[in-house]
């Protein structure tokens, strides 16, 4: 997830990026869980690549490029990343399809393992 918090002592909201656990540890998918990569440049401009989310849909979700800085406008670094991530094309689409399939497969294996205990 990504969220801005208003914290005492800071002049503007603080952006918090969570890259997720990159694990499947539940039998039922939950869209709050997934995996992301946080990229930062030398100016500390941040850009989050949301690589996958757990969910029960029939099709994979695309890789998303996200940022928080309060302005509503992408910073130049994030714009550059957005230009490189063509989520409906290879290799991004391949990753999304594999992640979607593997999340379901790992959840099934977890369920089998739990039932065997």
Protein backbone atom coordinates (compact mmCIF):
# COMPACT_ATOMS: atom_id res chain seq x y z
CA UNK A 1 0.00 0.00 0.00
CA UNK A 2 0.96 3.61 -0.11
CA UNK A 3 -0.49 6.30 2.09
CA UNK A 4 0.27 9.83 3.24
CA UNK A 5 0.23 10.56 6.96
CA UNK A 6 0.10 13.96 8.65
CA UNK A 7 2.65 13.67 11.44
CA UNK A 8 3.45 16.22 14.09
CA UNK A 9 6.75 17.95 13.43
CA UNK A 10 6.65 17.55 9.66
CA UNK A 11 5.68 20.48 7.45
CA UNK A 12 3.92 18.32 4.89
CA UNK A 13 2.38 14.84 4.75
CA UNK A 14 4.82 11.93 4.98
CA UNK A 15 4.53 9.33 2.22
CA UNK A 16 4.67 5.73 3.45
CA UNK A 17 5.26 2.93 0.96
CA UNK A 18 4.75 -0.74 1.88
CA UNK A 19 6.28 -3.30 -0.46
CA UNK A 20 4.21 -6.16 0.91
CA UNK A 21 5.32 -9.55 2.05
CA UNK A 22 5.80 -11.26 -1.31
CA UNK A 23 4.35 -14.44 0.25
CA UNK A 24 1.13 -16.37 -0.02
CA UNK A 25 0.26 -17.30 3.54
CA UNK A 26 -3.53 -17.53 3.33
CA UNK A 27 -5.86 -19.95 1.56
CA UNK A 28 -8.22 -17.21 0.36
CA UNK A 29 -6.77 -14.36 -1.71
CA UNK A 30 -7.03 -10.85 -0.32
CA UNK A 31 -6.44 -7.79 -2.52
CA UNK A 32 -4.74 -6.02 0.37
CA UNK A 33 -1.81 -8.42 -0.01
CA UNK A 34 0.75 -8.59 -2.77
CA UNK A 35 4.23 -7.51 -3.67
CA UNK A 36 5.79 -4.26 -4.80
CA UNK A 37 9.21 -2.78 -5.49
CA UNK A 38 10.12 0.68 -4.23
CA UNK A 39 12.47 2.58 -6.53
CA UNK A 40 14.20 5.81 -5.53
CA UNK A 41 16.60 8.09 -7.36
CA UNK A 42 19.42 10.28 -6.05
CA UNK A 43 16.90 13.05 -5.26
CA UNK A 44 14.87 10.61 -3.13
CA UNK A 45 11.99 10.74 -5.60
CA UNK A 46 10.05 7.54 -5.00
CA UNK A 47 8.13 5.33 -7.37
CA UNK A 48 6.33 2.13 -6.38
CA UNK A 49 6.01 -0.74 -8.84
CA UNK A 50 3.00 -2.71 -7.66
CA UNK A 51 3.96 -6.05 -9.16
CA UNK A 52 0.97 -8.12 -8.09
CA UNK A 53 -1.98 -8.33 -5.75
CA UNK A 54 -3.75 -11.43 -4.54
CA UNK A 55 -7.27 -11.63 -5.88
CA UNK A 56 -9.74 -14.19 -7.16
CA UNK A 57 -10.34 -12.78 -10.64
CA UNK A 58 -9.97 -14.89 -13.76
CA UNK A 59 -7.34 -12.63 -15.32
CA UNK A 60 -4.12 -11.18 -14.00
CA UNK A 61 -3.85 -7.58 -12.85
CA UNK A 62 -1.30 -5.41 -14.64
CA UNK A 63 1.84 -4.09 -12.99
CA UNK A 64 1.06 -0.59 -11.73
CA UNK A 65 3.36 2.40 -11.30
CA UNK A 66 2.34 4.50 -8.30
CA UNK A 67 3.67 7.41 -6.29
CA UNK A 68 2.77 9.75 -3.45
CA UNK A 69 4.09 13.24 -3.00
CA UNK A 70 0.98 15.29 -2.32
CA UNK A 71 1.13 17.19 -5.61
CA UNK A 72 -1.00 14.82 -7.65
CA UNK A 73 1.54 15.10 -10.47
CA UNK A 74 4.08 12.37 -11.22
CA UNK A 75 7.65 13.36 -10.44
CA UNK A 76 10.07 13.16 -13.41
CA UNK A 77 11.58 9.94 -12.04
CA UNK A 78 8.18 8.26 -11.81
CA UNK A 79 7.26 9.54 -15.29
CA UNK A 80 10.41 7.87 -16.62
CA UNK A 81 9.52 4.59 -14.90
CA UNK A 82 5.96 4.80 -16.28
CA UNK A 83 7.40 5.16 -19.79
CA UNK A 84 9.42 1.96 -19.29
CA UNK A 85 6.66 -0.16 -17.76
CA UNK A 86 4.32 -1.16 -20.54
CA UNK A 87 2.14 -3.40 -18.37
CA UNK A 88 0.15 -4.84 -21.29
CA UNK A 89 3.32 -5.95 -23.09
CA UNK A 90 6.13 -8.42 -22.45
CA UNK A 91 7.88 -8.88 -20.07
CA UNK A 92 5.45 -7.13 -17.72
CA UNK A 93 2.38 -9.00 -18.95
CA UNK A 94 4.22 -12.32 -18.64
CA UNK A 95 5.14 -11.49 -15.05
CA UNK A 96 1.54 -10.59 -14.20
CA UNK A 97 0.24 -13.84 -15.68
CA UNK A 98 2.82 -15.98 -13.86
CA UNK A 99 2.25 -14.18 -10.55
CA UNK A 100 -1.53 -14.58 -10.84
CA UNK A 101 -1.23 -18.28 -11.61
CA UNK A 102 1.35 -18.90 -8.88
CA UNK A 103 -0.62 -17.08 -6.17
CA UNK A 104 -3.55 -19.41 -6.86
CA UNK A 105 -1.28 -22.46 -6.98
CA UNK A 106 0.46 -21.60 -3.71
CA UNK A 107 -2.88 -20.99 -1.99
CA UNK A 108 -4.08 -24.45 -3.13
CA UNK A 109 -0.88 -26.09 -1.88
CA UNK A 110 -1.21 -24.27 1.44
CA UNK A 111 -4.78 -25.51 1.81
CA UNK A 112 -3.67 -29.10 1.11
CA UNK A 113 -0.87 -28.78 3.63
CA UNK A 114 -3.17 -27.37 6.33
CA UNK A 115 -5.71 -30.16 5.78
CA UNK A 116 -2.97 -32.77 6.14
CA UNK A 117 -2.02 -31.58 9.64
